[in-house]
Amino acid sequence: MHKKLRAHIEKTVTLTDDEFDLLLPYFTLKHFHKKEFLFERGQKVEYAYYVVSGLLKLVFVDKDASEHIVSFAMEDWWESDFSAFFMKTRATMSLVCLEETSVYCIAHDDYWSLCNSMPKIERFLLQKSNMGFIGAQQRVLSLLTTNAKERYEQLITQSPSLLQRVSKTQLASYLGVSRETLSRLFIQ
C-alpha cells in the first residue's frame, strides 16, 4: 500500500527514499467496510483521507431528511469535510463507504507539521487543495448552468467507472434529479 501513496505523491513531486521514510509516519492506513462511516454529521473531523482502494460518498442530509451527495471519492482521490477538518469544527456532512475501502489518514496537526517540515509535501498538498477547489467550483457551475442530461453526459465522460459502482438512486442524487427522472431520461 505504501507504494500507492508514494506513486500518488510522485505524480506531483519527486521524493527520495529518505524523504518518503520521513513522511510515512504522518499517515495511518485504515480499512473500512461497506456502509461504514468514516465520520458522521456532528462529529469532530480528525482526518483528511487519501483513498487507496474502494469508494466513498460525502453526503449532506437536509432538514427534510433528504440526502444530497456532494461527491464521490474513489481510488487516488482525497476526501473529508474539509471545512470541519481545517476549521476544527463539527462535520456538517457524513462520509460513508460504498465499498470495502482502504484509506491513508492524516490528522490536522500532522498535516500542518508535515507541511512545515517538508516544503515538497506542502506544494503537493497545496496542488491537491487547489484541484479540489477547482473541481468544487466546476460542480457548482455545472449544477447552475446545465440541465440533467448535460450533467449526466459530463459524468460519464469524466468518471465512466462510477456508473458501474453506484446505484441509480445515488447517481440521481449526485446529479440533482429524481431516480424516476434519471431512469426516464437516461437508463434505457
Protein backbone atom coordinates (compact mmCIF):
# COMPACT_ATOMS: atom_id res chain seq x y z
CA MET A 1 0.00 0.00 0.00
CA HIS A 2 2.90 2.35 0.70
CA LYS A 3 3.85 2.13 -2.99
CA LYS A 4 0.44 3.54 -3.98
CA LEU A 5 0.81 6.50 -1.64
CA ARG A 6 4.31 7.21 -2.91
CA ALA A 7 3.26 6.89 -6.56
CA HIS A 8 0.37 9.28 -5.90
CA ILE A 9 2.63 11.89 -4.32
CA GLU A 10 5.28 11.46 -7.02
CA LYS A 11 2.79 12.43 -9.71
CA THR A 12 3.37 15.93 -8.33
CA VAL A 13 6.76 15.97 -6.56
CA THR A 14 9.79 13.68 -6.61
CA LEU A 15 10.79 12.06 -3.32
CA THR A 16 13.98 10.39 -2.20
CA ASP A 17 13.67 7.20 -0.18
CA ASP A 18 14.69 9.16 2.92
CA GLU A 19 12.01 11.80 2.31
CA PHE A 20 9.33 9.16 1.88
CA ASP A 21 10.52 7.41 5.06
CA LEU A 22 10.19 10.75 6.90
CA LEU A 23 6.64 11.45 5.72
CA LEU A 24 5.19 7.96 6.06
CA PRO A 25 4.73 8.10 9.87
CA TYR A 26 2.37 11.08 9.42
CA PHE A 27 -0.12 8.78 7.68
CA THR A 28 -2.18 5.94 9.12
CA LEU A 29 -3.60 3.20 6.91
CA LYS A 30 -7.17 2.26 7.85
CA HIS A 31 -9.69 -0.18 6.40
CA PHE A 32 -13.45 0.27 6.43
CA HIS A 33 -16.36 -1.97 5.49
CA LYS A 34 -19.16 -1.20 3.07
CA LYS A 35 -21.75 1.11 4.72
CA GLU A 36 -19.29 2.06 7.49
CA PHE A 37 -18.93 5.76 8.30
CA LEU A 38 -15.53 7.42 8.46
CA PHE A 39 -17.32 10.27 10.23
CA GLU A 40 -20.90 11.41 10.62
CA ARG A 41 -22.54 14.81 10.75
CA GLY A 42 -21.98 16.41 14.15
CA GLN A 43 -18.77 14.54 14.85
CA LYS A 44 -15.30 16.03 15.02
CA VAL A 45 -13.45 15.53 11.72
CA GLU A 46 -9.99 14.35 12.70
CA TYR A 47 -8.59 13.36 9.32
CA ALA A 48 -8.25 14.07 5.64
CA TYR A 49 -8.37 10.82 3.68
CA TYR A 50 -6.49 9.58 0.64
CA VAL A 51 -8.39 6.70 -0.97
CA VAL A 52 -6.13 3.75 -1.78
CA SER A 53 -8.95 1.41 -2.78
CA GLY A 54 -12.72 1.47 -2.60
CA LEU A 55 -15.38 4.13 -2.96
CA LEU A 56 -16.78 6.76 -0.58
CA LYS A 57 -19.62 9.24 -0.77
CA LEU A 58 -19.76 12.57 1.02
CA VAL A 59 -23.37 13.36 1.89
CA PHE A 60 -25.39 16.21 3.34
CA VAL A 61 -28.79 15.49 4.86
CA ASP A 62 -31.13 18.50 4.81
CA LYS A 63 -33.84 19.46 7.32
CA ASP A 64 -36.37 17.32 5.42
CA ALA A 65 -34.08 14.26 5.76
CA SER A 66 -33.27 14.28 2.04
CA GLU A 67 -29.78 13.04 1.26
CA HIS A 68 -27.67 15.12 -1.13
CA ILE A 69 -24.48 13.55 -2.45
CA VAL A 70 -21.80 16.21 -2.51
CA SER A 71 -19.12 13.99 -4.01
CA PHE A 72 -17.88 10.50 -4.67
CA ALA A 73 -14.26 9.66 -3.86
CA MET A 74 -12.60 6.67 -5.48
CA GLU A 75 -9.04 5.46 -5.79
CA ASP A 76 -6.40 8.19 -5.91
CA TRP A 77 -8.78 10.89 -4.54
CA TRP A 78 -8.72 12.89 -1.32
CA GLU A 79 -11.86 13.45 0.71
CA SER A 80 -13.10 14.87 4.01
CA ASP A 81 -15.45 17.52 5.30
CA PHE A 82 -12.64 19.97 4.65
CA SER A 83 -14.34 22.91 6.32
CA ALA A 84 -14.67 20.93 9.56
CA PHE A 85 -11.17 19.45 9.17
CA PHE A 86 -9.37 22.75 8.69
CA MET A 87 -11.54 24.86 10.99
CA LYS A 88 -11.60 22.16 13.72
CA THR A 89 -15.39 22.25 13.87
CA ARG A 90 -18.03 19.54 13.77
CA ALA A 91 -18.94 17.88 10.49
CA THR A 92 -21.90 19.20 8.53
CA MET A 93 -21.70 16.16 6.25
CA SER A 94 -21.06 12.44 6.57
CA LEU A 95 -18.50 10.27 4.78
CA VAL A 96 -19.59 6.67 4.18
CA CYS A 97 -18.14 3.68 2.34
CA LEU A 98 -19.97 2.36 -0.68
CA GLU A 99 -17.46 -0.49 -0.99
CA GLU A 100 -14.79 -2.08 1.15
CA THR A 101 -12.33 0.81 1.39
CA SER A 102 -8.72 1.42 2.41
CA VAL A 103 -7.54 4.95 3.10
CA TYR A 104 -4.49 6.75 4.34
CA CYS A 105 -5.47 9.23 7.04
CA ILE A 106 -3.60 12.34 8.05
CA ALA A 107 -4.58 14.24 11.18
CA HIS A 108 -4.95 18.03 11.21
CA ASP A 109 -1.84 18.73 13.31
CA ASP A 110 0.21 16.19 11.34
CA TYR A 111 -0.94 17.80 8.10
CA TRP A 112 0.46 21.18 9.16
CA SER A 113 3.57 19.70 10.77
CA LEU A 114 4.35 17.83 7.56
CA CYS A 115 3.80 21.00 5.51
CA ASN A 116 6.17 22.92 7.79
CA SER A 117 8.88 20.27 7.75
CA MET A 118 8.76 19.28 4.06
CA PRO A 119 8.22 22.06 1.51
CA LYS A 120 7.79 19.45 -1.24
CA ILE A 121 4.82 17.97 0.55
CA GLU A 122 3.40 21.42 1.23
CA ARG A 123 3.48 22.03 -2.55
CA PHE A 124 1.90 18.62 -3.17
CA LEU A 125 -0.92 19.25 -0.66
CA LEU A 126 -1.45 22.78 -2.00
CA GLN A 127 -1.86 21.39 -5.50
CA LYS A 128 -4.35 18.78 -4.23
CA SER A 129 -6.30 21.51 -2.42
CA ASN A 130 -6.29 23.74 -5.48
CA MET A 131 -7.54 20.92 -7.71
CA GLY A 132 -10.26 20.22 -5.15
CA PHE A 133 -11.35 23.87 -5.18
CA ILE A 134 -11.41 23.85 -8.97
CA GLY A 135 -13.46 20.64 -9.02
CA ALA A 136 -15.93 22.03 -6.48
CA GLN A 137 -16.40 25.24 -8.46
CA GLN A 138 -16.90 23.31 -11.68
CA ARG A 139 -19.52 21.14 -9.98
CA VAL A 140 -21.40 24.20 -8.69
CA LEU A 141 -21.29 25.82 -12.13
CA SER A 142 -22.49 22.60 -13.72
CA LEU A 143 -25.44 22.42 -11.33
CA LEU A 144 -26.27 26.08 -12.04
CA THR A 145 -25.83 26.17 -15.80
CA THR A 146 -26.51 22.72 -17.27
CA ASN A 147 -29.56 20.51 -17.47
CA ALA A 148 -29.75 16.98 -16.07
CA LYS A 149 -28.86 15.34 -19.38
CA GLU A 150 -25.76 17.51 -19.78
CA ARG A 151 -24.67 16.73 -16.20
CA TYR A 152 -25.14 13.01 -16.86
CA GLU A 153 -23.07 13.25 -20.05
CA GLN A 154 -20.32 15.13 -18.17
CA LEU A 155 -20.28 12.42 -15.52
CA ILE A 156 -19.97 9.54 -17.96
CA THR A 157 -17.17 11.38 -19.75
CA GLN A 158 -15.24 12.27 -16.58
CA SER A 159 -15.89 9.15 -14.45
CA PRO A 160 -17.32 6.32 -16.56
CA SER A 161 -16.41 3.64 -13.99
CA LEU A 162 -18.62 5.36 -11.42
CA LEU A 163 -21.74 4.27 -13.32
CA GLN A 164 -20.89 0.64 -12.58
CA ARG A 165 -20.13 1.29 -8.92
CA VAL A 166 -23.09 3.32 -7.62
CA SER A 167 -26.82 2.76 -7.57
CA LYS A 168 -29.21 4.69 -9.79
CA THR A 169 -30.62 6.36 -6.68
CA GLN A 170 -27.19 7.61 -5.65
CA LEU A 171 -26.39 8.69 -9.18
CA ALA A 172 -29.66 10.64 -9.34
CA SER A 173 -28.90 12.34 -6.00
CA TYR A 174 -25.46 13.35 -7.22
CA LEU A 175 -26.90 14.76 -10.45
CA GLY A 176 -29.66 16.61 -8.63
CA VAL A 177 -32.58 14.74 -10.21
CA SER A 178 -35.09 12.16 -9.01
CA ARG A 179 -34.43 8.49 -9.66
CA GLU A 180 -37.52 8.39 -11.86
CA THR A 181 -36.22 11.28 -13.98
CA LEU A 182 -32.85 9.58 -14.33
CA SER A 183 -34.50 6.33 -15.40
CA ARG A 184 -36.81 8.06 -17.84
CA LEU A 185 -34.15 10.20 -19.46
CA PHE A 186 -31.00 8.11 -19.40
CA ILE A 187 -31.35 4.48 -18.44
CA GLN A 188 -32.74 2.53 -21.38
